[in-house]
Structure formats: C-alpha cells, structure tokens
Amino acid sequence: MSTPSALSGIRVVDFSHVYQGPVGTQLLADYGADVIKIERPDVGDWSRRWGPFVNGVSLPFAGLNRNKRSFAINVKSQAGKDAIRALIVTADVVVHNFRNGVMEKLGLGYDDLAAEHPRLIYASSGGWGDHGPSVERGRGGHDLMARAEAGWFTQPDPAKPPFPAGISADYPAGLMLMQGILMALLARERTGRGQRVTTDLLSVAFHAHSWEGPAAMNASRVTEVSGVTANESIVDKSFATEDGYIEISPVFSDNAVRDIGVAIGLGDLSQLAKFATHALQRENGRELNGLLAARFREKTTAAWLAELEPKGVFCAKVNTLEDAINDAQLAANGMVIDMEHYQAGKLRLPGTPVRLHGTPPIPRRFAPELGEHTVEILRELGYDDAALATLKQEGAIG
C-alpha cells in the first residue's frame, strides 16, 4: 500500500497566473494537493502564450504548472460563477494574485466566500499589500516595479542608470504565499476556522534585506563594522581564472585578507601596512583586489577549488545557468527532472526544492492543456449532460 502524499485530500482552487502564485501552488501540487487551475476559456493563463516553446508548449508554463488540473470557465457569466461557487464549497484553499478589488467585483472576495465557508483559507498575493497609497490608487504591480521600490536596483557605475539585482520577486512571493497557506491550514486544525492570507511583491522584496536591512535602518547608530560584514565589503565577490570565474566567500574569519592571501600563495597581506586594518583594506581595496585578481588568473577554476577547499576557504565555480543545469550536485538533489508531453516529447524541468523524506514529492502529470479537466471536474460536482450543455450554451465553458 502506497503512502499518501503529504497534502492528499487538500483541494486548492487556484486563480493565480503567470509566476507569483503558480510557483507556490505547484509545490502544493507536488505534495499531493488537488490544485485546480482556473483559466479563461479563450486564452488561459497569460504564460501559455509566452515562450520559448517546444512544439507549441510554453516552457515557462510547463515549469510552473505540473500536477495541476485546468478548469477553463468564464467567471463573468452567471453560470460560470455558479460553477465556481460549487467548486469552492468543496475546497480548502482559494488562491489568487489579482489586483485588490478584482475578486470582490466578481462576488468572489474573502467576505463573500467566508460567510458561507468559514473553514476556507483565502490566500492572495498582489503587488503592494492590503492598504496604503499604491493600493488606494489601484496601481498594478510587477516584479521589477517591486524590486525598484524595495531597494533592489544597483548602480555600480554612477555614470550609468541603476539596474535590477537579485532574483524575480515573484519567486519568493509565491513561496511566502505557500508558507502562509500551510500555516493557515495548520491553524485551522486547532481552531476549526479558516482565515485570509496575504502577501505582496513589495513586502517580500523588502524582507529579503533582512541581513543588511537593520544596518541601513539604524545607520546613524552603528558603532563599528567588523567581522564578516567588513570582510565581505572588502574582497571582491568573484575573480577571473584561467578558464572562467571563481566565487570567494570571505566568511567565518576575522581576517579574510590574511586567510585568502596565504591560501593562494601571496602570504599574509594583512601584515603589509597598507592592508593592516579593515579600514585600510577598504581604503586600498582596489590595489588589494588587483593583487588577488592577478593571482587567480594564473590557474583554472578547478585547480583553485582543489587547492582552496582543503585550506578552509569557501569558494565556488561561477556557473552559467546552462552549467547549473548539468551540475552534479543539483542532479543529486533531484533538481532536474524529466517529464513526458504527448506533443513536445521528453522535457527537462526544475524539480522540487523541498524534500519530505517520508512523503516525497511526485511529478504525477505534466502541466495541463487549457481546459483539459473542465468536464471531469464539473462531473465531480454533479453536473450531468444536460447541465454541461447549458453551460456551453451560455458561454460559460468552451
């Protein structure tokens, strides 16, 4: 007898689209939740039309929507709304990433649904939050907008405009939304009641400053800079080697300049007067990093890794995405999986980064075709042939 998946029996009605919501709901689906993806009958999720493609199959869509069922229905029609409400009655969770007010206009807001379904978890992630000036003026949200306003653009060259740093805010926002859903499900086990769960791109992007943020928020009260923070601000993050690049992590040391210099054969550079303190190392950082850079160019990345790791210097090869896809450690972590599609054939896709060893994730089905499960789900809700014909006649389904 097979072990049930961790989230077997949990039904998620998922209105989310593109990236922010789907990344979180896919992880729920990977662990056995019945994630029913609500889509427009004509075009579906926007990302279905965004490439690159393999034989007409959107690779971004395939990477974010496996293990889900597609329910294509016109939620603006009364018959469509009735079908959605019938579905939500059977659900544990509703998820969306629309602007504030969109679901309310459809009669599918939290207050509308919670009144008749008090155990429902109602989760949403937008651009800006629940209140405030951006919300009040109905502002649309997007990854780059959130990163811009959360302080994630960088400007290493003052003569050029700043540009975005970090990963898309959609990714961690989707993960945060998933975590909120799981916490709310756990709370429901104790209280018997559902609740509203919200997050947003801006808040998540800002929260990602949790390491360096407190220093910036209390800059006028900082009395000293030392240790890891000082080391990281002095030594360049990467250096060119004979055949590529190597990343250096100057951590777990009170004198990284000494440790790195000794490890690469330059001796204890901190014994030189101009590099004797953190302040001097920072002041003379260009010269210091120039010495390190010249030395790193003398050997290949693999040779440096073999030499530095035994000496306790944290370092890594700087991979391109193509390199990472073929990285042996990522393969060992199950982060590249193969899935078969009837039209595109075998495709390589990102795996699941969270591993529950007693109830592992299972890639059961490829990302669904638009409306692939509409009739199946309606029949589960009790719609017979006559009712299905009425839905089609009224334009609720294709």
Protein backbone atom coordinates (compact mmCIF):
# COMPACT_ATOMS: atom_id res chain seq x y z
CA MET A 1 0.00 0.00 0.00
CA SER A 2 1.49 3.33 -1.06
CA THR A 3 1.96 6.16 1.44
CA PRO A 4 -0.43 9.09 0.87
CA SER A 5 1.21 12.32 -0.23
CA ALA A 6 1.70 14.98 2.44
CA LEU A 7 -1.22 17.10 1.17
CA SER A 8 -3.54 14.37 -0.09
CA GLY A 9 -7.15 15.43 0.46
CA ILE A 10 -6.41 19.17 0.29
CA ARG A 11 -8.17 20.92 -2.61
CA VAL A 12 -6.86 24.27 -3.87
CA VAL A 13 -8.90 26.43 -6.25
CA ASP A 14 -6.16 28.42 -7.94
CA PHE A 15 -6.97 31.63 -9.82
CA SER A 16 -3.31 32.69 -9.86
CA HIS A 17 -1.49 33.23 -13.12
CA VAL A 18 1.95 33.79 -14.67
CA TYR A 19 4.61 33.36 -11.92
CA GLN A 20 3.91 34.70 -8.44
CA GLY A 21 1.04 32.40 -7.49
CA PRO A 22 1.79 29.35 -9.68
CA VAL A 23 5.25 28.75 -8.20
CA GLY A 24 3.68 28.30 -4.76
CA THR A 25 0.69 26.25 -5.86
CA GLN A 26 2.91 23.93 -7.89
CA LEU A 27 4.78 22.99 -4.72
CA LEU A 28 1.44 22.27 -3.06
CA ALA A 29 0.51 20.13 -6.07
CA ASP A 30 3.87 18.33 -5.99
CA TYR A 31 2.96 17.19 -2.49
CA GLY A 32 -0.42 15.84 -3.48
CA ALA A 33 -2.85 18.75 -3.15
CA ASP A 34 -5.58 18.73 -5.81
CA VAL A 35 -4.75 22.10 -7.38
CA ILE A 36 -7.47 23.17 -9.81
CA LYS A 37 -6.22 25.96 -12.03
CA ILE A 38 -8.99 28.38 -13.03
CA GLU A 39 -8.40 29.78 -16.51
CA ARG A 40 -10.19 31.84 -19.12
CA PRO A 41 -11.65 29.56 -21.81
CA ASP A 42 -10.25 31.62 -24.67
CA VAL A 43 -6.59 32.21 -23.75
CA GLY A 44 -5.97 30.70 -20.32
CA ASP A 45 -3.02 31.76 -18.19
CA TRP A 46 -1.03 34.55 -19.86
CA SER A 47 2.13 32.49 -19.63
CA ARG A 48 0.74 29.86 -22.01
CA ARG A 49 1.48 32.38 -24.77
CA TRP A 50 4.95 33.30 -23.57
CA GLY A 51 7.90 31.34 -24.91
CA PRO A 52 10.24 29.89 -25.62
CA PHE A 53 8.20 26.94 -26.91
CA VAL A 54 8.78 23.31 -27.84
CA ASN A 55 6.26 22.27 -30.46
CA GLY A 56 3.79 24.85 -29.20
CA VAL A 57 4.32 24.05 -25.49
CA SER A 58 5.34 27.06 -23.38
CA LEU A 59 8.38 26.11 -21.31
CA PRO A 60 7.75 28.75 -18.59
CA PHE A 61 4.18 27.45 -18.23
CA ALA A 62 5.44 23.86 -18.10
CA GLY A 63 7.90 24.79 -15.38
CA LEU A 64 5.24 26.25 -13.08
CA ASN A 65 2.10 24.19 -13.52
CA ARG A 66 2.75 20.47 -13.31
CA ASN A 67 0.46 18.27 -11.22
CA LYS A 68 -2.44 20.72 -11.63
CA ARG A 69 -5.83 20.35 -13.32
CA SER A 70 -7.08 23.04 -15.70
CA PHE A 71 -10.66 24.26 -15.28
CA ALA A 72 -11.46 26.71 -18.07
CA ILE A 73 -14.58 28.71 -17.30
CA ASN A 74 -15.98 32.18 -17.88
CA VAL A 75 -16.26 33.58 -14.36
CA LYS A 76 -18.03 36.69 -15.65
CA SER A 77 -21.07 34.66 -16.66
CA GLN A 78 -23.65 33.78 -14.03
CA ALA A 79 -23.48 30.10 -14.89
CA GLY A 80 -19.70 30.25 -14.60
CA LYS A 81 -19.91 31.94 -11.20
CA ASP A 82 -22.35 29.31 -10.00
CA ALA A 83 -19.98 26.54 -11.08
CA ILE A 84 -17.05 28.26 -9.37
CA ARG A 85 -19.02 28.66 -6.16
CA ALA A 86 -19.99 24.99 -6.29
CA LEU A 87 -16.31 24.13 -6.68
CA ILE A 88 -15.19 26.42 -3.85
CA VAL A 89 -17.64 24.72 -1.49
CA THR A 90 -15.51 21.58 -1.91
CA ALA A 91 -12.19 23.42 -1.47
CA ASP A 92 -9.84 24.03 1.42
CA VAL A 93 -7.97 26.91 -0.18
CA VAL A 94 -8.63 29.67 -2.73
CA VAL A 95 -5.60 31.43 -4.22
CA HIS A 96 -5.31 34.46 -6.50
CA ASN A 97 -2.80 37.16 -7.45
CA PHE A 98 -5.17 39.73 -8.95
CA ARG A 99 -5.19 43.41 -8.06
CA ASN A 100 -7.16 44.39 -4.98
CA GLY A 101 -10.87 44.51 -5.76
CA VAL A 102 -10.95 42.20 -8.80
CA MET A 103 -12.31 39.16 -6.96
CA GLU A 104 -14.73 41.33 -4.98
CA LYS A 105 -16.26 42.63 -8.24
CA LEU A 106 -16.85 39.01 -9.24
CA GLY A 107 -18.56 38.29 -5.94
CA LEU A 108 -15.66 36.01 -5.00
CA GLY A 109 -13.95 38.13 -2.37
CA TYR A 110 -13.00 36.81 1.05
CA ASP A 111 -16.02 38.24 2.84
CA ASP A 112 -18.37 36.81 0.19
CA LEU A 113 -16.98 33.31 0.50
CA ALA A 114 -16.04 33.09 4.19
CA ALA A 115 -19.59 33.82 5.28
CA GLU A 116 -20.78 30.55 3.72
CA HIS A 117 -17.50 28.64 4.02
CA PRO A 118 -15.89 29.50 7.39
CA ARG A 119 -13.16 26.84 7.08
CA LEU A 120 -11.85 28.34 3.83
CA ILE A 121 -8.24 29.55 3.58
CA TYR A 122 -8.31 32.57 1.22
CA ALA A 123 -4.81 33.44 0.04
CA SER A 124 -3.72 36.27 -2.23
CA SER A 125 -0.50 37.96 -3.25
CA GLY A 126 -0.52 41.21 -5.17
CA GLY A 127 1.92 43.98 -5.93
CA TRP A 128 1.78 46.29 -2.96
CA GLY A 129 -0.09 44.99 0.08
CA ASP A 130 -3.51 45.32 1.70
CA HIS A 131 -3.61 49.09 2.32
CA GLY A 132 -1.64 52.23 1.55
CA PRO A 133 -1.27 54.73 -1.29
CA SER A 134 -0.35 52.27 -4.05
CA VAL A 135 -3.32 50.08 -3.15
CA GLU A 136 -5.72 53.02 -2.86
CA ARG A 137 -4.99 54.22 -6.37
CA GLY A 138 -5.42 50.72 -7.83
CA ARG A 139 -1.86 50.51 -9.01
CA GLY A 140 -0.80 47.45 -11.00
CA GLY A 141 2.19 45.53 -9.71
CA HIS A 142 5.13 43.78 -11.34
CA ASP A 143 8.40 42.18 -10.27
CA LEU A 144 10.69 44.96 -11.49
CA MET A 145 8.46 47.66 -10.01
CA ALA A 146 8.65 45.95 -6.61
CA ARG A 147 12.40 45.48 -6.79
CA ALA A 148 12.84 49.12 -7.80
CA GLU A 149 10.86 50.44 -4.83
CA ALA A 150 12.22 47.90 -2.33
CA GLY A 151 15.81 48.97 -2.93
CA TRP A 152 16.89 46.10 -5.19
CA PHE A 153 18.30 48.14 -8.08
CA THR A 154 22.06 48.60 -8.03
CA GLN A 155 24.28 51.28 -9.58
CA PRO A 156 27.94 50.24 -9.59
CA ASP A 157 28.73 52.89 -12.22
CA PRO A 158 27.33 56.34 -11.29
CA ALA A 159 27.56 57.35 -14.95
CA LYS A 160 25.02 54.68 -15.91
CA PRO A 161 21.42 54.15 -14.74
CA PRO A 162 20.76 51.62 -11.96
CA PHE A 163 19.64 48.15 -12.96
CA PRO A 164 17.79 45.32 -11.14
CA ALA A 165 19.69 42.98 -8.85
CA GLY A 166 18.58 39.74 -7.25
CA ILE A 167 16.05 37.20 -8.49
CA SER A 168 12.49 37.92 -9.54
CA ALA A 169 10.38 38.98 -6.55
CA ASP A 170 7.64 36.73 -7.94
CA TYR A 171 9.55 33.64 -6.88
CA PRO A 172 9.94 34.34 -3.13
CA ALA A 173 6.46 35.94 -3.05
CA GLY A 174 4.99 32.66 -4.31
CA LEU A 175 6.96 30.71 -1.72
CA MET A 176 5.83 33.06 1.05
CA LEU A 177 2.24 32.66 -0.08
CA MET A 178 2.60 28.87 0.04
CA GLN A 179 4.05 29.08 3.56
CA GLY A 180 1.14 31.27 4.65
CA ILE A 181 -1.31 28.72 3.27
CA LEU A 182 0.37 25.87 5.11
CA MET A 183 0.43 27.84 8.39
CA ALA A 184 -3.25 28.70 7.97
CA LEU A 185 -4.10 25.04 7.33
CA LEU A 186 -2.22 24.11 10.50
CA ALA A 187 -4.04 26.81 12.48
CA ARG A 188 -7.36 25.50 11.13
CA GLU A 189 -6.57 22.10 12.62
CA ARG A 190 -6.56 23.77 16.04
CA THR A 191 -9.34 26.33 15.64
CA GLY A 192 -11.63 24.79 13.04
CA ARG A 193 -11.73 28.09 11.16
CA GLY A 194 -10.11 29.35 8.00
CA GLN A 195 -8.69 32.81 7.50
CA ARG A 196 -7.35 35.28 4.98
CA VAL A 197 -3.66 35.06 4.00
CA THR A 198 -1.96 37.90 2.11
CA THR A 199 1.48 38.87 0.95
CA ASP A 200 2.84 41.05 -1.83
CA LEU A 201 5.83 41.61 -4.08
CA LEU A 202 6.99 44.81 -2.39
CA SER A 203 6.90 43.41 1.15
CA VAL A 204 8.68 40.21 0.17
CA ALA A 205 11.36 42.08 -1.78
CA PHE A 206 11.92 44.38 1.20
CA HIS A 207 12.01 41.47 3.65
CA ALA A 208 14.85 39.97 1.59
CA HIS A 209 17.01 42.76 3.06
CA SER A 210 16.75 41.07 6.49
CA TRP A 211 20.52 40.64 6.72
CA GLU A 212 21.74 44.08 5.71
CA GLY A 213 18.48 45.96 6.28
CA PRO A 214 18.84 46.51 10.04
CA ALA A 215 22.21 48.22 9.49
CA ALA A 216 20.67 50.58 6.94
CA MET A 217 17.65 51.20 9.16
CA ASN A 218 19.91 52.09 12.09
CA ALA A 219 22.82 53.62 10.16
CA SER A 220 23.26 56.62 12.47
CA ARG A 221 23.73 54.31 15.45
CA VAL A 222 26.31 51.90 14.00
CA THR A 223 29.41 52.00 16.23
CA GLU A 224 31.68 49.59 14.37
CA VAL A 225 31.90 47.43 11.24
CA SER A 226 33.93 44.25 11.62
CA GLY A 227 33.95 40.51 11.09
CA VAL A 228 32.03 39.02 8.17
CA THR A 229 30.40 42.32 7.19
CA ALA A 230 33.75 44.06 6.90
CA ASN A 231 35.36 41.16 5.04
CA GLU A 232 32.53 40.94 2.52
CA SER A 233 32.72 44.65 1.81
CA ILE A 234 36.45 44.47 1.10
CA VAL A 235 37.07 41.35 -1.00
CA ASP A 236 35.53 41.17 -4.47
CA LYS A 237 32.80 38.56 -4.85
CA SER A 238 34.42 36.81 -7.82
CA PHE A 239 37.62 36.70 -9.80
CA ALA A 240 38.55 35.66 -13.33
CA THR A 241 40.59 32.47 -13.56
CA GLU A 242 42.49 30.94 -16.43
CA ASP A 243 39.28 29.40 -17.83
CA GLY A 244 36.33 31.03 -16.10
CA TYR A 245 35.41 32.63 -12.79
CA ILE A 246 35.64 31.67 -9.13
CA GLU A 247 33.48 33.00 -6.30
CA ILE A 248 35.15 33.69 -2.96
CA SER A 249 33.18 33.83 0.30
CA PRO A 250 35.26 35.67 2.93
CA VAL A 251 33.25 34.32 5.87
CA PHE A 252 33.96 32.66 9.22
CA SER A 253 37.20 34.58 9.56
CA ASP A 254 38.21 37.68 11.47
CA ASN A 255 40.92 38.34 8.88
CA ALA A 256 39.88 37.12 5.43
CA VAL A 257 42.63 39.08 3.70
CA ARG A 258 45.19 37.07 5.66
CA ASP A 259 43.48 33.71 5.08
CA ILE A 260 42.86 34.19 1.36
CA GLY A 261 46.33 35.64 0.74
CA VAL A 262 48.04 32.75 2.49
CA ALA A 263 45.85 30.16 0.76
CA ILE A 264 46.64 31.40 -2.75
CA GLY A 265 50.36 31.82 -2.09
CA LEU A 266 50.63 35.58 -1.62
CA GLY A 267 51.38 35.38 2.11
CA ASP A 268 49.66 37.30 4.88
CA LEU A 269 48.72 40.52 3.08
CA SER A 270 47.36 41.99 6.31
CA GLN A 271 50.96 42.26 7.52
CA LEU A 272 51.53 44.99 4.94
CA ALA A 273 51.00 48.42 6.46
CA LYS A 274 48.52 49.49 3.80
CA PHE A 275 46.30 46.45 4.50
CA ALA A 276 46.79 46.22 8.27
CA THR A 277 43.20 47.05 9.33
CA HIS A 278 39.71 46.67 7.89
CA ALA A 279 39.59 50.41 7.36
CA LEU A 280 42.87 50.41 5.42
CA GLN A 281 41.87 47.33 3.45
CA ARG A 282 38.72 49.13 2.40
CA GLU A 283 40.59 52.35 1.62
CA ASN A 284 43.10 50.45 -0.51
CA GLY A 285 40.59 47.91 -1.80
CA ARG A 286 41.32 48.44 -5.48
CA GLU A 287 45.00 47.63 -5.02
CA LEU A 288 44.23 44.70 -2.74
CA ASN A 289 41.76 43.12 -5.12
CA GLY A 290 44.13 43.78 -8.00
CA LEU A 291 46.75 41.58 -6.31
CA LEU A 292 44.20 38.82 -5.73
CA ALA A 293 42.88 39.09 -9.28
CA ALA A 294 46.32 38.75 -10.85
CA ARG A 295 47.00 35.61 -8.82
CA PHE A 296 43.63 33.96 -9.57
CA ARG A 297 44.24 34.34 -13.31
CA GLU A 298 47.23 32.01 -13.08
CA LYS A 299 45.22 28.77 -12.65
CA THR A 300 41.96 27.20 -13.79
CA THR A 301 38.84 27.34 -11.65
CA ALA A 302 39.02 23.60 -10.96
CA ALA A 303 42.64 23.88 -9.85
CA TRP A 304 41.81 26.71 -7.45
CA LEU A 305 38.85 24.80 -5.99
CA ALA A 306 41.05 21.79 -5.38
CA GLU A 307 43.64 23.97 -3.69
CA LEU A 308 41.41 26.26 -1.63
CA GLU A 309 38.75 23.91 -0.27
CA PRO A 310 41.21 21.85 1.85
CA LYS A 311 42.53 25.12 3.28
CA GLY A 312 39.09 26.12 4.52
CA VAL A 313 38.47 28.94 2.02
CA PHE A 314 34.83 28.94 0.97
CA CYS A 315 34.66 29.18 -2.80
CA ALA A 316 32.65 28.02 -5.80
CA LYS A 317 32.74 27.87 -9.56
CA VAL A 318 30.64 30.63 -11.10
CA ASN A 319 28.20 28.69 -13.25
CA THR A 320 26.09 29.89 -16.11
CA LEU A 321 22.51 28.64 -16.00
CA GLU A 322 23.50 26.07 -18.60
CA ASP A 323 26.33 24.90 -16.33
CA ALA A 324 23.98 24.68 -13.34
CA ILE A 325 21.51 22.52 -15.28
CA ASN A 326 24.26 19.94 -15.67
CA ASP A 327 25.74 20.34 -12.19
CA ALA A 328 26.27 17.00 -10.42
CA GLN A 329 25.09 18.30 -7.04
CA LEU A 330 21.85 19.69 -8.41
CA ALA A 331 21.27 16.36 -10.15
CA ALA A 332 21.86 14.55 -6.85
CA ASN A 333 19.28 16.86 -5.23
CA GLY A 334 16.70 15.84 -7.83
CA MET A 335 16.50 19.38 -9.16
CA VAL A 336 16.38 18.38 -12.84
CA ILE A 337 13.52 16.04 -13.71
CA ASP A 338 12.25 14.59 -16.98
CA MET A 339 8.57 14.75 -17.88
CA GLU A 340 6.87 13.47 -20.99
CA HIS A 341 4.42 15.51 -23.06
CA TYR A 342 2.44 13.95 -25.89
CA GLN A 343 3.29 16.84 -28.22
CA ALA A 344 6.66 18.16 -27.02
CA GLY A 345 8.16 14.82 -26.03
CA LYS A 346 10.51 14.49 -23.06
CA LEU A 347 11.29 17.83 -21.40
CA ARG A 348 13.74 18.62 -18.61
CA LEU A 349 12.17 20.74 -15.87
CA PRO A 350 13.15 22.09 -12.43
CA GLY A 351 12.44 19.67 -9.60
CA THR A 352 11.06 20.33 -6.12
CA PRO A 353 13.49 22.09 -3.71
CA VAL A 354 11.74 20.91 -0.50
CA ARG A 355 12.20 17.23 0.27
CA LEU A 356 9.91 15.41 2.71
CA HIS A 357 11.57 12.03 3.02
CA GLY A 358 8.54 10.17 4.37
CA THR A 359 6.09 11.62 1.84
CA PRO A 360 8.23 12.68 -1.13
CA PRO A 361 7.00 14.91 -3.96
CA ILE A 362 5.78 13.07 -7.05
CA PRO A 363 5.72 14.55 -10.59
CA ARG A 364 2.44 12.86 -11.48
CA ARG A 365 1.29 14.84 -14.50
CA PHE A 366 2.60 17.39 -16.97
CA ALA A 367 1.24 20.95 -16.91
CA PRO A 368 -2.34 20.68 -18.21
CA GLU A 369 -3.74 21.66 -21.56
CA LEU A 370 -6.17 24.59 -21.37
CA GLY A 371 -9.48 23.26 -20.06
CA GLU A 372 -8.20 19.68 -20.04
CA HIS A 373 -10.10 18.82 -16.86
CA THR A 374 -13.12 21.12 -17.08
CA VAL A 375 -15.71 18.44 -17.81
CA GLU A 376 -14.06 15.98 -15.42
CA ILE A 377 -14.30 18.46 -12.55
CA LEU A 378 -17.86 19.52 -13.38
CA ARG A 379 -18.94 15.89 -13.34
CA GLU A 380 -17.29 15.51 -9.94
CA LEU A 381 -19.50 18.40 -8.81
CA GLY A 382 -22.62 16.59 -10.06
CA TYR A 383 -23.16 18.28 -13.44
CA ASP A 384 -24.90 15.91 -15.84
CA ASP A 385 -25.01 16.06 -19.64
CA ALA A 386 -27.93 18.49 -19.65
CA ALA A 387 -26.22 20.84 -17.19
CA LEU A 388 -23.00 20.72 -19.21
CA ALA A 389 -24.92 21.57 -22.37
CA THR A 390 -26.48 24.57 -20.61
CA LEU A 391 -23.06 25.81 -19.50
CA LYS A 392 -21.79 25.56 -23.06
CA GLN A 393 -24.87 27.25 -24.47
CA GLU A 394 -24.48 30.17 -22.04
CA GLY A 395 -20.79 30.57 -22.93
CA ALA A 396 -19.54 29.55 -19.50
CA ILE A 397 -17.36 26.78 -20.93
CA GLY A 398 -15.85 26.19 -24.35
